[in-house]
Amino acid sequence: MEAAEVLEEESFALSTSSASEAEFAAVVGSIKDIFMDAEFQVLQRNFMDRYYQEFGDMEENKLTYTPIFNEYLSLVEKYIEELQLTGILGFNMAAFTATLKHHKDEMADDLFDMLLTFTDFLTFK
């Protein structure tokens, strides 16, 4: 392989990586805007008001937590996907959450923790 071909392959790999990083940053920025939106705040507050009494300070996880967590995931993921689909072509919440932990160092802790509630039950709890 000639040096020019190697450089071309490396350049392609870098541009692909940069494109995926830029896409991830765009999605995070868009989701951050959603989190700050008053409508999302009301949606989340209403959900928490409905179920906060189910949760206590105990370490033990009750079986009733699982359907509550699943309902939360469904509600929030659907809301975000509906808004993201209008702004970012090809957005998929499952794919986004799968890559989330790989980008932990690239975002503020509070935003990461909020996003982690979609994948981690203990963070949600």
N, C-alpha and C. Protein backbone atom coordinates (compact mmCIF):
# COMPACT_ATOMS: atom_id res chain seq x y z
N MET A 1 0.85 -1.17 0.00
CA MET A 1 0.00 0.00 0.00
C MET A 1 0.90 1.24 0.00
N GLU A 2 0.57 2.17 -0.85
CA GLU A 2 1.36 3.38 -0.96
C GLU A 2 1.00 4.36 0.15
N ALA A 3 1.91 5.29 0.42
CA ALA A 3 1.73 6.27 1.48
C ALA A 3 0.46 7.10 1.25
N ALA A 4 0.18 7.44 0.01
CA ALA A 4 -1.01 8.25 -0.30
C ALA A 4 -2.28 7.49 0.06
N GLU A 5 -2.29 6.17 -0.22
CA GLU A 5 -3.46 5.36 0.11
C GLU A 5 -3.66 5.26 1.62
N VAL A 6 -2.55 5.12 2.35
CA VAL A 6 -2.61 5.05 3.81
C VAL A 6 -3.16 6.35 4.37
N LEU A 7 -2.64 7.48 3.87
CA LEU A 7 -3.12 8.78 4.33
C LEU A 7 -4.60 8.97 4.00
N GLU A 8 -5.01 8.51 2.83
CA GLU A 8 -6.42 8.64 2.44
C GLU A 8 -7.31 7.82 3.37
N GLU A 9 -6.89 6.59 3.71
CA GLU A 9 -7.66 5.75 4.63
C GLU A 9 -7.73 6.37 6.01
N GLU A 10 -6.59 6.91 6.49
CA GLU A 10 -6.58 7.55 7.81
C GLU A 10 -7.47 8.78 7.81
N SER A 11 -7.42 9.56 6.73
CA SER A 11 -8.26 10.75 6.62
C SER A 11 -9.73 10.37 6.63
N PHE A 12 -10.09 9.30 5.91
CA PHE A 12 -11.48 8.83 5.90
C PHE A 12 -11.91 8.39 7.29
N ALA A 13 -11.03 7.66 8.00
CA ALA A 13 -11.36 7.21 9.36
C ALA A 13 -11.56 8.40 10.28
N LEU A 14 -10.71 9.41 10.15
CA LEU A 14 -10.84 10.61 10.99
C LEU A 14 -12.13 11.36 10.67
N SER A 15 -12.44 11.51 9.38
CA SER A 15 -13.65 12.25 9.03
C SER A 15 -14.90 11.48 9.46
N THR A 16 -14.86 10.15 9.38
CA THR A 16 -15.99 9.35 9.85
C THR A 16 -16.15 9.49 11.34
N SER A 17 -15.02 9.44 12.05
CA SER A 17 -15.04 9.59 13.51
C SER A 17 -15.54 10.98 13.88
N SER A 18 -15.02 11.99 13.20
CA SER A 18 -15.44 13.36 13.49
C SER A 18 -16.92 13.56 13.19
N ALA A 19 -17.39 12.93 12.13
CA ALA A 19 -18.81 13.05 11.78
C ALA A 19 -19.68 12.40 12.85
N SER A 20 -19.28 11.22 13.34
CA SER A 20 -20.09 10.56 14.37
C SER A 20 -20.02 11.33 15.68
N GLU A 21 -18.86 11.92 15.98
CA GLU A 21 -18.75 12.73 17.19
C GLU A 21 -19.61 13.99 17.08
N ALA A 22 -19.61 14.59 15.91
CA ALA A 22 -20.44 15.78 15.69
C ALA A 22 -21.92 15.43 15.78
N GLU A 23 -22.29 14.27 15.23
CA GLU A 23 -23.68 13.82 15.31
C GLU A 23 -24.08 13.57 16.76
N PHE A 24 -23.20 12.93 17.53
CA PHE A 24 -23.49 12.68 18.94
C PHE A 24 -23.65 14.00 19.69
N ALA A 25 -22.75 14.94 19.43
CA ALA A 25 -22.83 16.26 20.08
C ALA A 25 -24.13 16.97 19.72
N ALA A 26 -24.55 16.85 18.47
CA ALA A 26 -25.81 17.48 18.05
C ALA A 26 -27.00 16.86 18.77
N VAL A 27 -26.99 15.53 18.91
CA VAL A 27 -28.07 14.85 19.61
C VAL A 27 -28.10 15.26 21.08
N VAL A 28 -26.92 15.29 21.72
CA VAL A 28 -26.85 15.68 23.14
C VAL A 28 -27.36 17.11 23.31
N GLY A 29 -26.94 18.01 22.43
CA GLY A 29 -27.41 19.39 22.51
C GLY A 29 -28.91 19.50 22.35
N SER A 30 -29.44 18.74 21.44
CA SER A 30 -30.89 18.75 21.21
C SER A 30 -31.64 18.17 22.41
N ILE A 31 -31.13 17.07 22.97
CA ILE A 31 -31.77 16.48 24.15
C ILE A 31 -31.67 17.41 25.35
N LYS A 32 -30.55 18.10 25.47
CA LYS A 32 -30.40 19.07 26.56
C LYS A 32 -31.47 20.16 26.43
N ASP A 33 -31.72 20.63 25.22
CA ASP A 33 -32.77 21.62 25.00
C ASP A 33 -34.14 21.06 25.39
N ILE A 34 -34.37 19.78 25.07
CA ILE A 34 -35.63 19.14 25.44
C ILE A 34 -35.79 19.10 26.95
N PHE A 35 -34.71 18.74 27.66
CA PHE A 35 -34.76 18.67 29.12
C PHE A 35 -35.09 20.02 29.74
N MET A 36 -34.65 21.09 29.11
CA MET A 36 -34.88 22.43 29.65
C MET A 36 -36.27 22.97 29.29
N ASP A 37 -36.91 22.33 28.34
CA ASP A 37 -38.22 22.78 27.87
C ASP A 37 -39.28 22.60 28.96
N ALA A 38 -40.13 23.59 29.12
CA ALA A 38 -41.17 23.56 30.17
C ALA A 38 -42.11 22.37 30.00
N GLU A 39 -42.43 22.00 28.78
CA GLU A 39 -43.34 20.87 28.54
C GLU A 39 -42.73 19.56 29.05
N PHE A 40 -41.43 19.37 28.83
CA PHE A 40 -40.77 18.17 29.34
C PHE A 40 -40.73 18.19 30.86
N GLN A 41 -40.46 19.35 31.44
CA GLN A 41 -40.42 19.47 32.89
C GLN A 41 -41.77 19.07 33.51
N VAL A 42 -42.85 19.51 32.89
CA VAL A 42 -44.20 19.16 33.37
C VAL A 42 -44.44 17.66 33.22
N LEU A 43 -44.06 17.10 32.09
CA LEU A 43 -44.21 15.67 31.85
C LEU A 43 -43.49 14.86 32.93
N GLN A 44 -42.25 15.23 33.19
CA GLN A 44 -41.45 14.51 34.19
C GLN A 44 -42.00 14.73 35.60
N ARG A 45 -42.37 15.95 35.92
CA ARG A 45 -42.90 16.25 37.25
C ARG A 45 -44.20 15.49 37.51
N ASN A 46 -45.08 15.44 36.52
CA ASN A 46 -46.34 14.70 36.67
C ASN A 46 -46.08 13.22 36.92
N PHE A 47 -45.11 12.66 36.20
CA PHE A 47 -44.77 11.26 36.41
C PHE A 47 -44.23 11.04 37.82
N MET A 48 -43.32 11.88 38.24
CA MET A 48 -42.73 11.74 39.58
C MET A 48 -43.77 11.95 40.67
N ASP A 49 -44.66 12.90 40.49
CA ASP A 49 -45.73 13.13 41.47
C ASP A 49 -46.63 11.91 41.61
N ARG A 50 -46.84 11.22 40.50
CA ARG A 50 -47.70 10.04 40.52
C ARG A 50 -47.06 8.87 41.27
N TYR A 51 -45.71 8.75 41.23
CA TYR A 51 -45.06 7.55 41.76
C TYR A 51 -44.08 7.77 42.91
N TYR A 52 -43.83 9.01 43.33
CA TYR A 52 -42.79 9.23 44.33
C TYR A 52 -43.04 8.49 45.63
N GLN A 53 -44.30 8.25 45.98
CA GLN A 53 -44.60 7.58 47.24
C GLN A 53 -44.22 6.10 47.21
N GLU A 54 -44.02 5.54 46.04
CA GLU A 54 -43.62 4.14 45.90
C GLU A 54 -42.17 3.92 46.33
N PHE A 55 -41.38 4.99 46.30
CA PHE A 55 -39.94 4.87 46.56
C PHE A 55 -39.61 5.35 47.96
N GLY A 56 -38.69 4.63 48.59
CA GLY A 56 -38.23 5.01 49.92
C GLY A 56 -36.71 5.06 49.94
N ASP A 57 -36.15 5.28 51.12
CA ASP A 57 -34.70 5.38 51.26
C ASP A 57 -34.02 4.03 51.44
N MET A 58 -34.79 2.96 51.37
CA MET A 58 -34.22 1.63 51.61
C MET A 58 -33.39 1.16 50.42
N GLU A 59 -32.42 0.30 50.71
CA GLU A 59 -31.55 -0.25 49.68
C GLU A 59 -32.27 -1.28 48.82
N GLU A 60 -33.20 -2.00 49.41
CA GLU A 60 -33.91 -3.07 48.71
C GLU A 60 -34.78 -2.50 47.60
N ASN A 61 -34.75 -3.16 46.46
CA ASN A 61 -35.58 -2.75 45.33
C ASN A 61 -36.84 -3.60 45.29
N LYS A 62 -37.98 -2.95 45.35
CA LYS A 62 -39.25 -3.66 45.31
C LYS A 62 -39.57 -4.08 43.87
N LEU A 63 -40.35 -5.13 43.76
CA LEU A 63 -40.78 -5.58 42.43
C LEU A 63 -41.63 -4.54 41.72
N THR A 64 -42.30 -3.68 42.49
CA THR A 64 -43.15 -2.65 41.88
C THR A 64 -42.33 -1.59 41.15
N TYR A 65 -41.03 -1.51 41.44
CA TYR A 65 -40.19 -0.50 40.79
C TYR A 65 -40.02 -0.78 39.29
N THR A 66 -39.96 -2.05 38.92
CA THR A 66 -39.68 -2.41 37.53
C THR A 66 -40.72 -1.86 36.56
N PRO A 67 -42.03 -2.09 36.79
CA PRO A 67 -42.99 -1.52 35.84
C PRO A 67 -43.00 0.02 35.85
N ILE A 68 -42.70 0.62 36.99
CA ILE A 68 -42.63 2.09 37.05
C ILE A 68 -41.47 2.58 36.20
N PHE A 69 -40.31 1.94 36.35
CA PHE A 69 -39.13 2.30 35.56
C PHE A 69 -39.40 2.10 34.07
N ASN A 70 -40.02 0.99 33.72
CA ASN A 70 -40.33 0.73 32.31
C ASN A 70 -41.31 1.75 31.75
N GLU A 71 -42.28 2.15 32.55
CA GLU A 71 -43.22 3.18 32.12
C GLU A 71 -42.50 4.51 31.90
N TYR A 72 -41.58 4.85 32.82
CA TYR A 72 -40.80 6.08 32.69
C TYR A 72 -39.97 6.05 31.40
N LEU A 73 -39.29 4.93 31.17
CA LEU A 73 -38.49 4.80 29.95
C LEU A 73 -39.36 4.99 28.71
N SER A 74 -40.47 4.33 28.68
CA SER A 74 -41.37 4.41 27.53
C SER A 74 -41.86 5.84 27.31
N LEU A 75 -42.28 6.48 28.37
CA LEU A 75 -42.81 7.84 28.30
C LEU A 75 -41.76 8.83 27.80
N VAL A 76 -40.60 8.81 28.44
CA VAL A 76 -39.57 9.79 28.11
C VAL A 76 -38.93 9.48 26.76
N GLU A 77 -38.65 8.22 26.49
CA GLU A 77 -38.05 7.88 25.20
C GLU A 77 -38.98 8.24 24.05
N LYS A 78 -40.26 7.98 24.20
CA LYS A 78 -41.22 8.32 23.15
C LYS A 78 -41.25 9.84 22.94
N TYR A 79 -41.27 10.58 24.03
CA TYR A 79 -41.30 12.04 23.95
C TYR A 79 -40.06 12.57 23.23
N ILE A 80 -38.90 12.07 23.64
CA ILE A 80 -37.64 12.53 23.03
C ILE A 80 -37.57 12.10 21.57
N GLU A 81 -37.91 10.86 21.27
CA GLU A 81 -37.85 10.39 19.88
C GLU A 81 -38.76 11.21 18.98
N GLU A 82 -39.95 11.55 19.45
CA GLU A 82 -40.87 12.34 18.63
C GLU A 82 -40.27 13.70 18.30
N LEU A 83 -39.63 14.32 19.29
CA LEU A 83 -39.03 15.63 19.04
C LEU A 83 -37.74 15.51 18.23
N GLN A 84 -36.95 14.49 18.50
CA GLN A 84 -35.69 14.30 17.79
C GLN A 84 -35.92 13.94 16.33
N LEU A 85 -36.95 13.15 16.06
CA LEU A 85 -37.20 12.74 14.68
C LEU A 85 -37.48 13.93 13.78
N THR A 86 -38.00 15.00 14.37
CA THR A 86 -38.25 16.19 13.57
C THR A 86 -36.97 16.99 13.36
N GLY A 87 -35.98 16.81 14.23
CA GLY A 87 -34.77 17.63 14.14
C GLY A 87 -33.54 16.91 13.63
N ILE A 88 -33.42 15.62 13.90
CA ILE A 88 -32.21 14.88 13.52
C ILE A 88 -32.63 13.63 12.75
N LEU A 89 -32.31 13.61 11.49
CA LEU A 89 -32.68 12.51 10.60
C LEU A 89 -32.05 11.20 11.08
N GLY A 90 -32.85 10.17 11.19
CA GLY A 90 -32.35 8.85 11.56
C GLY A 90 -32.10 8.66 13.04
N PHE A 91 -32.60 9.55 13.88
CA PHE A 91 -32.36 9.41 15.32
C PHE A 91 -33.04 8.16 15.85
N ASN A 92 -32.31 7.43 16.70
CA ASN A 92 -32.83 6.23 17.34
C ASN A 92 -32.40 6.26 18.79
N MET A 93 -33.36 6.31 19.70
CA MET A 93 -33.06 6.43 21.13
C MET A 93 -32.27 5.24 21.64
N ALA A 94 -32.60 4.04 21.19
CA ALA A 94 -31.89 2.84 21.65
C ALA A 94 -30.42 2.90 21.24
N ALA A 95 -30.15 3.30 20.02
CA ALA A 95 -28.76 3.42 19.56
C ALA A 95 -28.03 4.51 20.33
N PHE A 96 -28.71 5.61 20.59
CA PHE A 96 -28.10 6.70 21.34
C PHE A 96 -27.72 6.26 22.75
N THR A 97 -28.65 5.62 23.45
CA THR A 97 -28.36 5.20 24.83
C THR A 97 -27.27 4.13 24.87
N ALA A 98 -27.15 3.33 23.81
CA ALA A 98 -26.11 2.31 23.75
C ALA A 98 -24.72 2.94 23.68
N THR A 99 -24.60 4.11 23.06
CA THR A 99 -23.30 4.77 22.94
C THR A 99 -23.03 5.77 24.05
N LEU A 100 -24.00 5.99 24.88
CA LEU A 100 -23.91 7.03 25.91
C LEU A 100 -22.70 6.90 26.82
N LYS A 101 -22.46 5.73 27.37
CA LYS A 101 -21.37 5.55 28.34
C LYS A 101 -19.99 5.78 27.72
N HIS A 102 -19.88 5.61 26.41
CA HIS A 102 -18.60 5.84 25.74
C HIS A 102 -18.26 7.33 25.65
N HIS A 103 -19.23 8.18 25.87
CA HIS A 103 -19.03 9.63 25.74
C HIS A 103 -19.15 10.36 27.08
N LYS A 104 -19.05 9.65 28.18
CA LYS A 104 -19.25 10.23 29.51
C LYS A 104 -18.37 11.45 29.74
N ASP A 105 -17.11 11.38 29.33
CA ASP A 105 -16.17 12.46 29.60
C ASP A 105 -16.42 13.70 28.74
N GLU A 106 -17.31 13.60 27.79
CA GLU A 106 -17.56 14.70 26.87
C GLU A 106 -18.72 15.60 27.28
N MET A 107 -19.36 15.31 28.42
CA MET A 107 -20.53 16.11 28.80
C MET A 107 -20.53 16.38 30.30
N ALA A 108 -21.31 17.35 30.68
CA ALA A 108 -21.44 17.72 32.10
C ALA A 108 -22.04 16.57 32.88
N ASP A 109 -21.60 16.44 34.14
CA ASP A 109 -22.05 15.32 34.98
C ASP A 109 -23.57 15.30 35.15
N ASP A 110 -24.18 16.46 35.37
CA ASP A 110 -25.63 16.47 35.59
C ASP A 110 -26.40 16.03 34.34
N LEU A 111 -25.93 16.43 33.18
CA LEU A 111 -26.57 16.01 31.94
C LEU A 111 -26.37 14.51 31.73
N PHE A 112 -25.16 14.03 31.98
CA PHE A 112 -24.89 12.59 31.84
C PHE A 112 -25.78 11.80 32.79
N ASP A 113 -25.89 12.25 34.04
CA ASP A 113 -26.73 11.55 35.02
C ASP A 113 -28.19 11.50 34.57
N MET A 114 -28.67 12.61 34.03
CA MET A 114 -30.05 12.64 33.54
C MET A 114 -30.24 11.66 32.39
N LEU A 115 -29.30 11.65 31.46
CA LEU A 115 -29.38 10.72 30.34
C LEU A 115 -29.25 9.27 30.81
N LEU A 116 -28.48 9.07 31.86
CA LEU A 116 -28.27 7.72 32.39
C LEU A 116 -29.54 7.14 32.99
N THR A 117 -30.49 7.98 33.38
CA THR A 117 -31.75 7.46 33.92
C THR A 117 -32.49 6.62 32.88
N PHE A 118 -32.13 6.76 31.60
CA PHE A 118 -32.76 5.97 30.55
C PHE A 118 -32.20 4.57 30.45
N THR A 119 -31.03 4.34 31.03
CA THR A 119 -30.40 3.03 30.89
C THR A 119 -30.09 2.36 32.21
N ASP A 120 -30.09 3.12 33.29
CA ASP A 120 -29.65 2.57 34.57
C ASP A 120 -30.73 2.76 35.63
N PHE A 121 -31.27 1.63 36.12
CA PHE A 121 -32.36 1.69 37.08
C PHE A 121 -31.95 2.40 38.37
N LEU A 122 -30.75 2.13 38.88
CA LEU A 122 -30.33 2.74 40.15
C LEU A 122 -30.22 4.25 40.04
N THR A 123 -29.79 4.76 38.90
CA THR A 123 -29.77 6.21 38.70
C THR A 123 -31.18 6.76 38.67
N PHE A 124 -32.08 6.05 38.02
CA PHE A 124 -33.49 6.44 37.97
C PHE A 124 -34.08 6.50 39.36
N LYS A 125 -33.81 5.46 40.16
CA LYS A 125 -34.38 5.35 41.50
C LYS A 125 -33.90 6.49 42.36
